Amino acid sequence: MEKNIYSEITPEIVELAELSRQAGIIDSELFTKYDVKRGLRDLNGKGVLAGLTNISDVRATKIVDGVSFPDHGKLFYRGYNVADLVNGFSSENRFGFEEVAYLLLFNKLPDRRELEDFTALLAKYRSLPTSFVRDFIMKAPSKDMMNSLARSVLALYSYDDYADDTSLPNVLRQCLQLISLFPLLTIYSYQAYSYYHNGDSLFIHHSQDNLSMAENLLHILRPDSKYTELEAKILDIALILHMEHGGGNNSSFTTHVVSSSMTDTYSVIAAAIGSLKGPRHGGANIKVVQMFNDMMEQVHDWKDEDEVSYYLRRLLHKEAFDKAGLIYGVGHAIYSKSDPRAEIFKGFVKKLSIEKGLQDQYELYDMVARLAPKIIESERQMYKGVSINVDFYSGFVYQMLGLPMELYTPIFAIARIVGWSAHRLEELANNGKIIRPAYKTLCTDQEYIKIEDR
């Protein structure tokens, strides 16, 4: 029987929590007074400059006569437009994960021989220590796969004779192993959870050396290991679009911060996983799917723009779904006029919806993508434009692929481990100082009071 959280929280804890809340409150006007950028961002969403990176670039503005204006978003990996990378390998009917991972890690596009050698190296590392699945995954299944993934990563420290060696060759070796192992750690954890908690049959498939990252994911997840070429190709693109997003995103910044302390790779990646787990970072696509599930129940005619618009306004007015006042999947901290990842994804999503016979659902998504930004701009004070983001479509894709919702955020991690690895290597290569920003204290000096006088 599942415990009720309120049985664990005593009146004493409630009272102490209120003391903690009161102690933690800071007058919001003080942030303006001392020019402190909350969330390290200004009102327009522009981040405080905290470092330099040569890995990727997120562009959402254009400069005209020295003035910055919102523009359609672009995402670059090592100077290459991601749209061009996707068009490149897609036009040749190839999978792209391994090629783009090589680019992010080594700052060059591999030739055919380099790509074959790199793919073989990843395949070589795609095996877990003896009894690891039994001892660390099967014996303590968790309902949250991100927690399982972090725990497994930390457990791998014990199997590494050179775990604390922070030389670049050793860290690269560790990163390549983790990139290769993330799918196994994640999906085996889900299979254990599904077996023990849901009573489902247990499937532990071995990975196949001749398969791409996306193909292996579907192979080890599905009981029959079967998938269509389009399914694997669109999952491959999803992984690439989530692979990296500049040094300022929360989990990549976490990677830089923790790496700067010169701790081990396993601790760094576990910290990044903890960051990505947060619903403000990696869990947004789950909310999108749940919102659309509710919308499809509440809206009788999915083709009626007025009825759909009415539902969207009810979302903003905290009258529908989770009553949070948000239209999930719309808006981004950086992008304003468009999220390039969503633009790239859109055409592939349509193809998959046709293969799955879900065109009506796709058309509803497409309608919301048109209507929601206009409705938000009419209802809210906007400091910059608003558009759909990559989470808007990714959850729908995973749903069409039949992926369990418990794996939506872990799949993000399977992709982003490449970016984290590149950022860790970059931080170590520059041998910079430990990252320690300043906080202004609001405390006033106090005289100590003896306990009998309090």
Protein backbone atom coordinates (compact mmCIF):
# COMPACT_ATOMS: atom_id res chain seq x y z
CA MET A 1 0.00 0.00 0.00
CA GLU A 2 1.40 3.38 -1.04
CA LYS A 3 2.06 5.81 1.78
CA ASN A 4 0.27 9.13 1.95
CA ILE A 5 2.78 11.97 2.03
CA TYR A 6 0.78 13.71 4.75
CA SER A 7 1.33 10.77 7.10
CA GLU A 8 5.05 11.54 6.90
CA ILE A 9 4.68 15.26 7.59
CA THR A 10 3.97 15.89 11.25
CA PRO A 11 2.61 19.16 12.70
CA GLU A 12 6.12 19.86 13.98
CA ILE A 13 7.50 19.62 10.44
CA VAL A 14 4.74 21.92 9.16
CA GLU A 15 5.59 24.49 11.82
CA LEU A 16 9.31 24.33 11.08
CA ALA A 17 8.64 24.55 7.35
CA GLU A 18 6.71 27.78 7.89
CA LEU A 19 9.65 29.19 9.84
CA SER A 20 11.92 28.21 6.97
CA ARG A 21 9.58 29.81 4.42
CA GLN A 22 9.46 33.07 6.33
CA ALA A 23 13.25 33.08 6.74
CA GLY A 24 13.69 32.52 3.01
CA ILE A 25 11.40 35.26 1.67
CA ILE A 26 13.21 38.18 0.04
CA ASP A 27 11.33 41.30 -1.04
CA SER A 28 11.18 41.20 -4.84
CA GLU A 29 11.85 44.95 -5.02
CA LEU A 30 15.32 44.36 -3.58
CA PHE A 31 16.31 42.42 -6.71
CA THR A 32 15.58 45.56 -8.73
CA LYS A 33 17.27 47.84 -6.20
CA TYR A 34 20.53 45.89 -6.32
CA ASP A 35 20.23 45.07 -10.04
CA VAL A 36 20.20 41.33 -9.40
CA LYS A 37 18.99 39.34 -12.41
CA ARG A 38 16.65 36.66 -11.05
CA GLY A 39 17.34 33.35 -12.75
CA LEU A 40 20.45 35.07 -14.17
CA ARG A 41 18.20 36.53 -16.90
CA ASP A 42 16.79 39.97 -17.65
CA LEU A 43 13.14 40.77 -18.45
CA ASN A 44 13.71 39.85 -22.11
CA GLY A 45 15.05 36.44 -21.16
CA LYS A 46 18.63 37.31 -22.05
CA GLY A 47 21.07 35.51 -19.78
CA VAL A 48 23.81 37.13 -17.73
CA LEU A 49 27.14 36.48 -19.45
CA ALA A 50 28.86 33.91 -17.22
CA GLY A 51 31.33 32.17 -19.50
CA LEU A 52 32.60 31.42 -22.99
CA THR A 53 31.95 28.31 -25.06
CA ASN A 54 32.94 26.98 -28.46
CA ILE A 55 30.37 24.18 -28.51
CA SER A 56 27.04 25.59 -29.61
CA ASP A 57 25.17 28.81 -30.18
CA VAL A 58 21.51 29.72 -29.71
CA ARG A 59 20.43 32.73 -31.77
CA ALA A 60 17.08 34.45 -31.43
CA THR A 61 17.78 38.08 -32.34
CA LYS A 62 19.19 40.19 -35.16
CA ILE A 63 21.07 43.48 -34.87
CA VAL A 64 19.87 46.38 -37.03
CA ASP A 65 21.72 49.72 -36.66
CA GLY A 66 23.05 48.59 -33.31
CA VAL A 67 19.60 47.68 -31.98
CA SER A 68 18.60 44.09 -31.16
CA PHE A 69 15.28 42.79 -32.53
CA PRO A 70 13.57 39.38 -32.08
CA ASP A 71 14.26 37.05 -34.99
CA HIS A 72 13.52 33.48 -36.01
CA GLY A 73 15.62 31.15 -33.89
CA LYS A 74 18.68 29.29 -35.11
CA LEU A 75 20.73 26.61 -33.36
CA PHE A 76 24.35 25.93 -34.25
CA TYR A 77 26.55 23.01 -33.22
CA ARG A 78 30.25 23.94 -33.52
CA GLY A 79 29.30 26.58 -36.10
CA TYR A 80 27.07 24.30 -38.19
CA ASN A 81 23.38 25.12 -38.46
CA VAL A 82 21.51 22.12 -37.01
CA ALA A 83 18.99 22.37 -39.85
CA ASP A 84 21.84 21.84 -42.34
CA LEU A 85 23.18 18.87 -40.35
CA VAL A 86 19.76 17.19 -40.32
CA ASN A 87 19.20 17.89 -44.02
CA GLY A 88 22.67 16.54 -44.76
CA PHE A 89 22.42 13.05 -43.30
CA SER A 90 18.67 12.78 -44.01
CA SER A 91 19.22 13.42 -47.74
CA GLU A 92 21.65 10.50 -47.73
CA ASN A 93 19.20 8.32 -45.79
CA ARG A 94 21.61 7.91 -42.88
CA PHE A 95 21.27 8.05 -39.11
CA GLY A 96 22.94 11.12 -37.63
CA PHE A 97 23.38 10.65 -33.87
CA GLU A 98 26.94 9.30 -34.01
CA GLU A 99 28.05 11.88 -36.60
CA VAL A 100 26.70 14.85 -34.63
CA ALA A 101 28.10 13.45 -31.37
CA TYR A 102 31.55 13.30 -33.01
CA LEU A 103 31.14 16.93 -34.15
CA LEU A 104 30.20 18.18 -30.68
CA LEU A 105 33.00 16.31 -28.94
CA PHE A 106 35.83 16.97 -31.40
CA ASN A 107 34.88 20.17 -33.28
CA LYS A 108 34.92 18.61 -36.76
CA LEU A 109 32.65 16.61 -39.00
CA PRO A 110 34.08 13.09 -39.33
CA ASP A 111 34.99 11.58 -42.66
CA ARG A 112 33.65 8.12 -43.45
CA ARG A 113 36.54 6.26 -41.81
CA GLU A 114 36.48 8.43 -38.68
CA LEU A 115 32.73 7.94 -38.34
CA GLU A 116 33.05 4.16 -38.69
CA ASP A 117 35.83 4.03 -36.08
CA PHE A 118 33.89 6.26 -33.67
CA THR A 119 30.70 4.22 -34.07
CA ALA A 120 32.69 1.04 -33.40
CA LEU A 121 34.21 2.65 -30.28
CA LEU A 122 30.75 3.50 -28.92
CA ALA A 123 29.62 -0.07 -29.63
CA LYS A 124 32.66 -1.41 -27.77
CA TYR A 125 31.62 0.50 -24.65
CA ARG A 126 27.99 -0.66 -24.87
CA SER A 127 28.15 -3.31 -22.15
CA LEU A 128 27.60 -3.09 -18.40
CA PRO A 129 29.79 -4.69 -15.72
CA THR A 130 28.99 -8.29 -14.82
CA SER A 131 25.92 -8.56 -12.53
CA PHE A 132 25.34 -4.78 -12.63
CA VAL A 133 21.78 -5.18 -13.93
CA ARG A 134 20.99 -7.71 -11.21
CA ASP A 135 22.70 -5.95 -8.32
CA PHE A 136 21.97 -2.27 -9.01
CA ILE A 137 18.96 -2.13 -11.31
CA MET A 138 16.77 -5.15 -10.58
CA LYS A 139 17.13 -5.13 -6.80
CA ALA A 140 16.02 -1.55 -6.17
CA PRO A 141 13.62 -0.44 -8.93
CA SER A 142 12.43 3.16 -8.73
CA LYS A 143 9.24 4.69 -10.08
CA ASP A 144 11.32 7.56 -11.46
CA MET A 145 13.78 6.60 -14.20
CA MET A 146 15.83 9.78 -13.81
CA ASN A 147 16.59 8.86 -10.21
CA SER A 148 17.43 5.32 -11.34
CA LEU A 149 19.74 6.72 -14.00
CA ALA A 150 21.55 9.01 -11.56
CA ARG A 151 21.96 6.19 -9.05
CA SER A 152 23.33 3.86 -11.73
CA VAL A 153 25.81 6.49 -12.92
CA LEU A 154 27.09 6.97 -9.37
CA ALA A 155 27.30 3.19 -8.93
CA LEU A 156 29.55 2.91 -12.02
CA TYR A 157 32.15 4.93 -10.09
CA SER A 158 32.83 1.80 -8.01
CA TYR A 159 33.69 -0.19 -11.13
CA ASP A 160 36.20 2.34 -12.48
CA ASP A 161 39.80 1.92 -11.27
CA TYR A 162 40.56 5.44 -12.48
CA ALA A 163 37.31 7.11 -11.44
CA ASP A 164 38.98 10.22 -9.95
CA ASP A 165 41.49 10.78 -12.74
CA THR A 166 40.50 14.07 -14.40
CA SER A 167 43.03 13.95 -17.23
CA LEU A 168 41.34 14.62 -20.58
CA PRO A 169 42.00 11.14 -22.09
CA ASN A 170 40.49 9.44 -19.06
CA VAL A 171 37.50 11.81 -18.85
CA LEU A 172 36.86 11.30 -22.58
CA ARG A 173 36.92 7.55 -22.04
CA GLN A 174 34.42 7.88 -19.18
CA CYS A 175 32.16 10.16 -21.22
CA LEU A 176 32.12 7.82 -24.23
CA GLN A 177 31.23 4.92 -21.95
CA LEU A 178 28.37 6.87 -20.39
CA ILE A 179 27.06 7.98 -23.80
CA SER A 180 26.98 4.33 -24.84
CA LEU A 181 25.48 3.06 -21.58
CA PHE A 182 22.72 5.61 -20.98
CA PRO A 183 20.14 3.73 -23.12
CA LEU A 184 20.82 0.46 -21.28
CA LEU A 185 20.74 2.06 -17.82
CA THR A 186 17.51 3.89 -18.62
CA ILE A 187 15.52 1.17 -20.36
CA TYR A 188 16.63 -1.65 -18.05
CA SER A 189 15.51 0.53 -15.13
CA TYR A 190 12.14 0.98 -16.79
CA GLN A 191 11.81 -2.75 -17.46
CA ALA A 192 12.52 -3.47 -13.78
CA TYR A 193 9.97 -0.87 -12.67
CA SER A 194 7.39 -2.19 -15.13
CA TYR A 195 7.95 -5.76 -13.92
CA TYR A 196 7.85 -5.12 -10.17
CA HIS A 197 5.32 -2.27 -9.98
CA ASN A 198 3.03 -2.90 -12.97
CA GLY A 199 3.20 -6.69 -13.10
CA ASP A 200 4.36 -6.65 -16.74
CA SER A 201 6.60 -9.27 -18.31
CA LEU A 202 10.34 -8.66 -17.97
CA PHE A 203 12.42 -8.12 -21.12
CA ILE A 204 16.16 -7.51 -20.99
CA HIS A 205 17.47 -7.40 -24.55
CA HIS A 206 21.18 -7.08 -25.31
CA SER A 207 22.17 -4.17 -27.52
CA GLN A 208 23.30 -4.83 -31.09
CA ASP A 209 26.66 -3.48 -32.29
CA ASN A 210 25.41 -2.97 -35.85
CA LEU A 211 22.52 -0.69 -34.85
CA SER A 212 22.50 3.07 -34.44
CA MET A 213 21.71 4.69 -31.09
CA ALA A 214 18.05 5.25 -32.05
CA GLU A 215 17.64 1.72 -33.42
CA ASN A 216 19.16 0.22 -30.28
CA LEU A 217 16.77 2.23 -28.12
CA LEU A 218 13.74 0.75 -29.86
CA HIS A 219 15.34 -2.69 -30.04
CA ILE A 220 15.98 -3.01 -26.30
CA LEU A 221 12.71 -1.31 -25.29
CA ARG A 222 10.15 -3.23 -27.32
CA PRO A 223 9.32 -6.83 -26.39
CA ASP A 224 9.56 -7.96 -30.04
CA SER A 225 12.46 -5.56 -30.86
CA LYS A 226 10.62 -4.50 -34.02
CA TYR A 227 10.38 -0.97 -35.42
CA THR A 228 9.89 0.75 -38.76
CA GLU A 229 12.61 2.75 -40.50
CA LEU A 230 10.61 5.98 -40.07
CA GLU A 231 10.21 5.34 -36.34
CA ALA A 232 13.95 4.93 -35.89
CA LYS A 233 14.79 7.91 -38.12
CA ILE A 234 12.49 10.32 -36.28
CA LEU A 235 13.81 9.15 -32.89
CA ASP A 236 17.33 9.73 -34.23
CA ILE A 237 16.40 13.32 -35.13
CA ALA A 238 14.74 13.85 -31.74
CA LEU A 239 17.98 12.81 -30.03
CA ILE A 240 20.03 15.19 -32.18
CA LEU A 241 17.73 18.15 -31.53
CA HIS A 242 17.99 17.55 -27.77
CA MET A 243 21.72 16.83 -27.79
CA GLU A 244 22.98 20.32 -26.97
CA HIS A 245 21.65 23.82 -26.39
CA GLY A 246 24.39 26.22 -25.35
CA GLY A 247 26.32 26.49 -22.11
CA GLY A 248 23.66 28.48 -20.29
CA ASN A 249 20.89 25.89 -20.08
CA ASN A 250 20.44 24.67 -16.52
CA SER A 251 21.98 21.20 -16.81
CA SER A 252 24.93 22.26 -18.99
CA PHE A 253 25.67 25.13 -16.62
CA THR A 254 25.47 22.60 -13.79
CA THR A 255 28.05 20.52 -15.67
CA HIS A 256 30.42 23.50 -15.84
CA VAL A 257 29.88 24.45 -12.21
CA VAL A 258 30.47 20.98 -10.80
CA SER A 259 33.35 20.22 -13.21
CA SER A 260 35.10 23.40 -12.07
CA SER A 261 35.46 21.88 -8.60
CA MET A 262 37.61 19.12 -10.22
CA THR A 263 35.36 16.32 -8.98
CA ASP A 264 34.91 13.02 -10.86
CA THR A 265 32.92 12.52 -14.06
CA TYR A 266 30.26 10.33 -12.42
CA SER A 267 29.43 12.99 -9.82
CA VAL A 268 29.25 15.67 -12.50
CA ILE A 269 26.90 13.72 -14.76
CA ALA A 270 24.70 12.68 -11.82
CA ALA A 271 24.35 16.37 -10.92
CA ALA A 272 23.40 17.22 -14.50
CA ILE A 273 20.77 14.45 -14.45
CA GLY A 274 19.31 15.95 -11.28
CA SER A 275 19.05 19.31 -13.01
CA LEU A 276 17.40 17.87 -16.13
CA LYS A 277 14.87 15.96 -14.04
CA GLY A 278 13.22 19.21 -12.94
CA PRO A 279 9.90 19.95 -14.66
CA ARG A 280 11.14 23.43 -15.56
CA HIS A 281 13.90 21.87 -17.63
CA GLY A 282 13.47 18.33 -18.92
CA GLY A 283 9.94 17.36 -17.98
CA ALA A 284 7.99 19.88 -20.06
CA ASN A 285 6.98 17.51 -22.88
CA ILE A 286 5.11 15.31 -20.39
CA LYS A 287 2.96 18.30 -19.48
CA VAL A 288 2.27 18.96 -23.18
CA VAL A 289 0.98 15.42 -23.74
CA GLN A 290 -1.15 15.52 -20.59
CA MET A 291 -2.56 18.91 -21.61
CA PHE A 292 -3.50 17.63 -25.08
CA ASN A 293 -5.07 14.50 -23.60
CA ASP A 294 -7.28 16.77 -21.50
CA MET A 295 -7.97 19.03 -24.49
CA MET A 296 -9.09 16.12 -26.65
CA GLU A 297 -11.57 15.14 -23.96
CA GLN A 298 -12.89 18.66 -23.38
CA VAL A 299 -13.04 19.88 -27.00
CA HIS A 300 -15.82 18.14 -28.93
CA ASP A 301 -14.83 19.28 -32.44
CA TRP A 302 -11.05 19.27 -32.90
CA LYS A 303 -11.39 21.19 -36.17
CA ASP A 304 -13.38 24.07 -34.65
CA GLU A 305 -10.96 26.97 -34.10
CA ASP A 306 -13.39 28.82 -31.85
CA GLU A 307 -13.82 25.84 -29.54
CA VAL A 308 -10.08 25.19 -29.40
CA SER A 309 -9.41 28.89 -28.77
CA TYR A 310 -11.94 28.89 -25.92
CA TYR A 311 -10.11 25.96 -24.29
CA LEU A 312 -6.73 27.72 -24.68
CA ARG A 313 -8.10 30.87 -23.03
CA ARG A 314 -9.45 28.75 -20.18
CA LEU A 315 -5.91 27.37 -19.72
CA LEU A 316 -4.54 30.90 -19.39
CA HIS A 317 -7.34 31.83 -16.98
CA LYS A 318 -6.51 28.83 -14.75
CA GLU A 319 -9.86 27.22 -15.54
CA ALA A 320 -8.69 24.09 -17.38
CA PHE A 321 -6.24 21.18 -17.08
CA ASP A 322 -3.92 21.74 -14.09
CA LYS A 323 -5.12 25.34 -13.54
CA ALA A 324 -1.54 26.63 -13.65
CA GLY A 325 -2.34 29.35 -16.17
CA LEU A 326 0.07 27.93 -18.77
CA ILE A 327 -0.16 26.61 -22.31
CA TYR A 328 2.59 24.02 -22.20
CA GLY A 329 4.97 23.75 -25.13
CA VAL A 330 4.52 27.42 -26.03
CA GLY A 331 7.22 29.93 -25.17
CA HIS A 332 10.93 29.67 -24.43
CA ALA A 333 13.49 31.52 -22.32
CA ILE A 334 15.56 32.40 -25.40
CA TYR A 335 13.50 31.95 -28.58
CA SER A 336 10.78 34.40 -29.49
CA LYS A 337 9.59 34.19 -33.11
CA SER A 338 10.40 30.48 -33.56
CA ASP A 339 12.27 27.55 -32.02
CA PRO A 340 14.40 26.03 -34.82
CA ARG A 341 14.16 22.57 -33.27
CA ALA A 342 10.36 22.66 -33.48
CA GLU A 343 10.56 23.90 -37.08
CA ILE A 344 12.89 21.04 -38.05
CA PHE A 345 10.79 18.48 -36.19
CA LYS A 346 7.43 19.51 -37.63
CA GLY A 347 7.72 17.86 -41.06
CA PHE A 348 8.95 14.57 -39.62
CA VAL A 349 6.15 14.57 -37.03
CA LYS A 350 3.59 14.91 -39.82
CA LYS A 351 5.07 11.92 -41.67
CA LEU A 352 4.94 9.77 -38.55
CA SER A 353 1.33 10.79 -37.83
CA ILE A 354 0.38 9.61 -41.32
CA GLU A 355 2.15 6.27 -40.79
CA LYS A 356 0.34 5.85 -37.47
CA GLY A 357 -3.06 7.02 -38.76
CA LEU A 358 -3.10 9.94 -36.33
CA GLN A 359 -3.53 12.82 -38.78
CA ASP A 360 -6.46 14.26 -36.80
CA GLN A 361 -4.29 14.60 -33.70
CA TYR A 362 -1.47 16.16 -35.74
CA GLU A 363 -3.90 18.70 -37.22
CA LEU A 364 -5.04 19.61 -33.70
CA TYR A 365 -1.41 20.16 -32.67
CA ASP A 366 -0.90 22.23 -35.80
CA MET A 367 -3.95 24.37 -35.02
CA VAL A 368 -2.81 24.98 -31.44
CA ALA A 369 0.65 25.92 -32.76
CA ARG A 370 -1.02 28.66 -34.83
CA LEU A 371 -3.54 29.86 -32.27
CA ALA A 372 -1.73 29.69 -28.92
CA PRO A 373 0.96 32.36 -29.54
CA LYS A 374 -1.68 34.87 -30.71
CA ILE A 375 -3.92 34.14 -27.73
CA ILE A 376 -1.03 34.47 -25.26
CA GLU A 377 0.03 37.80 -26.79
CA SER A 378 -3.57 39.09 -26.54
CA GLU A 379 -3.89 38.03 -22.89
CA ARG A 380 -0.47 38.70 -21.38
CA GLN A 381 2.05 41.53 -21.26
CA MET A 382 4.92 40.30 -23.44
CA TYR A 383 8.54 41.45 -23.30
CA LYS A 384 9.39 39.37 -26.37
CA GLY A 385 7.57 37.21 -28.91
CA VAL A 386 6.27 33.75 -28.12
CA SER A 387 6.21 30.60 -30.25
CA ILE A 388 5.97 26.85 -29.85
CA ASN A 389 9.09 25.06 -28.60
CA VAL A 390 10.59 21.62 -29.22
CA ASP A 391 8.67 20.11 -26.28
CA PHE A 392 5.43 20.89 -28.09
CA TYR A 393 6.11 18.11 -30.61
CA SER A 394 8.55 15.76 -28.86
CA GLY A 395 6.01 14.35 -26.41
CA PHE A 396 3.57 13.69 -29.27
CA VAL A 397 6.35 11.87 -31.16
CA TYR A 398 7.17 9.69 -28.15
CA GLN A 399 3.47 8.99 -27.71
CA MET A 400 3.19 7.89 -31.37
CA LEU A 401 6.25 5.69 -30.88
CA GLY A 402 4.47 4.00 -28.00
CA LEU A 403 7.12 5.07 -25.50
CA PRO A 404 6.01 5.04 -21.86
CA MET A 405 5.75 8.49 -20.31
CA GLU A 406 8.29 7.44 -17.66
CA LEU A 407 10.95 7.52 -20.40
CA TYR A 408 10.24 10.95 -21.91
CA THR A 409 12.74 12.86 -19.76
CA PRO A 410 15.33 10.03 -19.69
CA ILE A 411 15.38 10.08 -23.51
CA PHE A 412 16.25 13.76 -23.21
CA ALA A 413 19.16 12.69 -20.97
CA ILE A 414 20.25 10.01 -23.47
CA ALA A 415 20.66 12.82 -25.98
CA ARG A 416 22.00 15.57 -23.70
CA ILE A 417 24.78 13.40 -22.21
CA VAL A 418 26.69 14.24 -25.41
CA GLY A 419 26.40 17.97 -24.76
CA TRP A 420 27.26 17.52 -21.08
CA SER A 421 30.35 15.56 -22.07
CA ALA A 422 31.47 18.29 -24.46
CA HIS A 423 30.97 20.95 -21.78
CA ARG A 424 32.84 18.93 -19.15
CA LEU A 425 35.78 18.45 -21.50
CA GLU A 426 35.73 22.15 -22.39
CA GLU A 427 35.75 23.19 -18.73
CA LEU A 428 38.68 20.89 -17.95
CA ALA A 429 40.62 21.84 -21.08
CA ASN A 430 40.59 25.49 -20.03
CA ASN A 431 41.62 24.66 -16.46
CA GLY A 432 39.56 27.59 -15.23
CA LYS A 433 38.81 28.76 -11.72
CA ILE A 434 36.12 27.18 -9.58
CA ILE A 435 32.81 28.85 -10.47
CA ARG A 436 31.70 30.96 -7.54
CA PRO A 437 29.34 33.88 -8.31
CA ALA A 438 28.60 36.53 -5.73
CA TYR A 439 25.47 36.79 -3.60
CA LYS A 440 24.69 40.02 -1.73
CA THR A 441 23.74 39.35 1.87
CA LEU A 442 20.72 41.05 3.41
CA CYS A 443 21.59 39.93 6.93
CA THR A 444 22.05 42.49 9.70
CA ASP A 445 24.60 41.97 12.46
CA GLN A 446 23.17 40.43 15.64
CA GLU A 447 24.43 40.13 19.21
CA TYR A 448 24.54 36.59 20.60
CA ILE A 449 21.79 35.90 23.20
CA LYS A 450 22.37 33.31 25.89
CA ILE A 451 19.89 30.45 25.73
CA GLU A 452 18.24 31.28 29.05
CA ASP A 453 17.55 34.83 27.80
CA ARG A 454 15.86 33.87 24.49
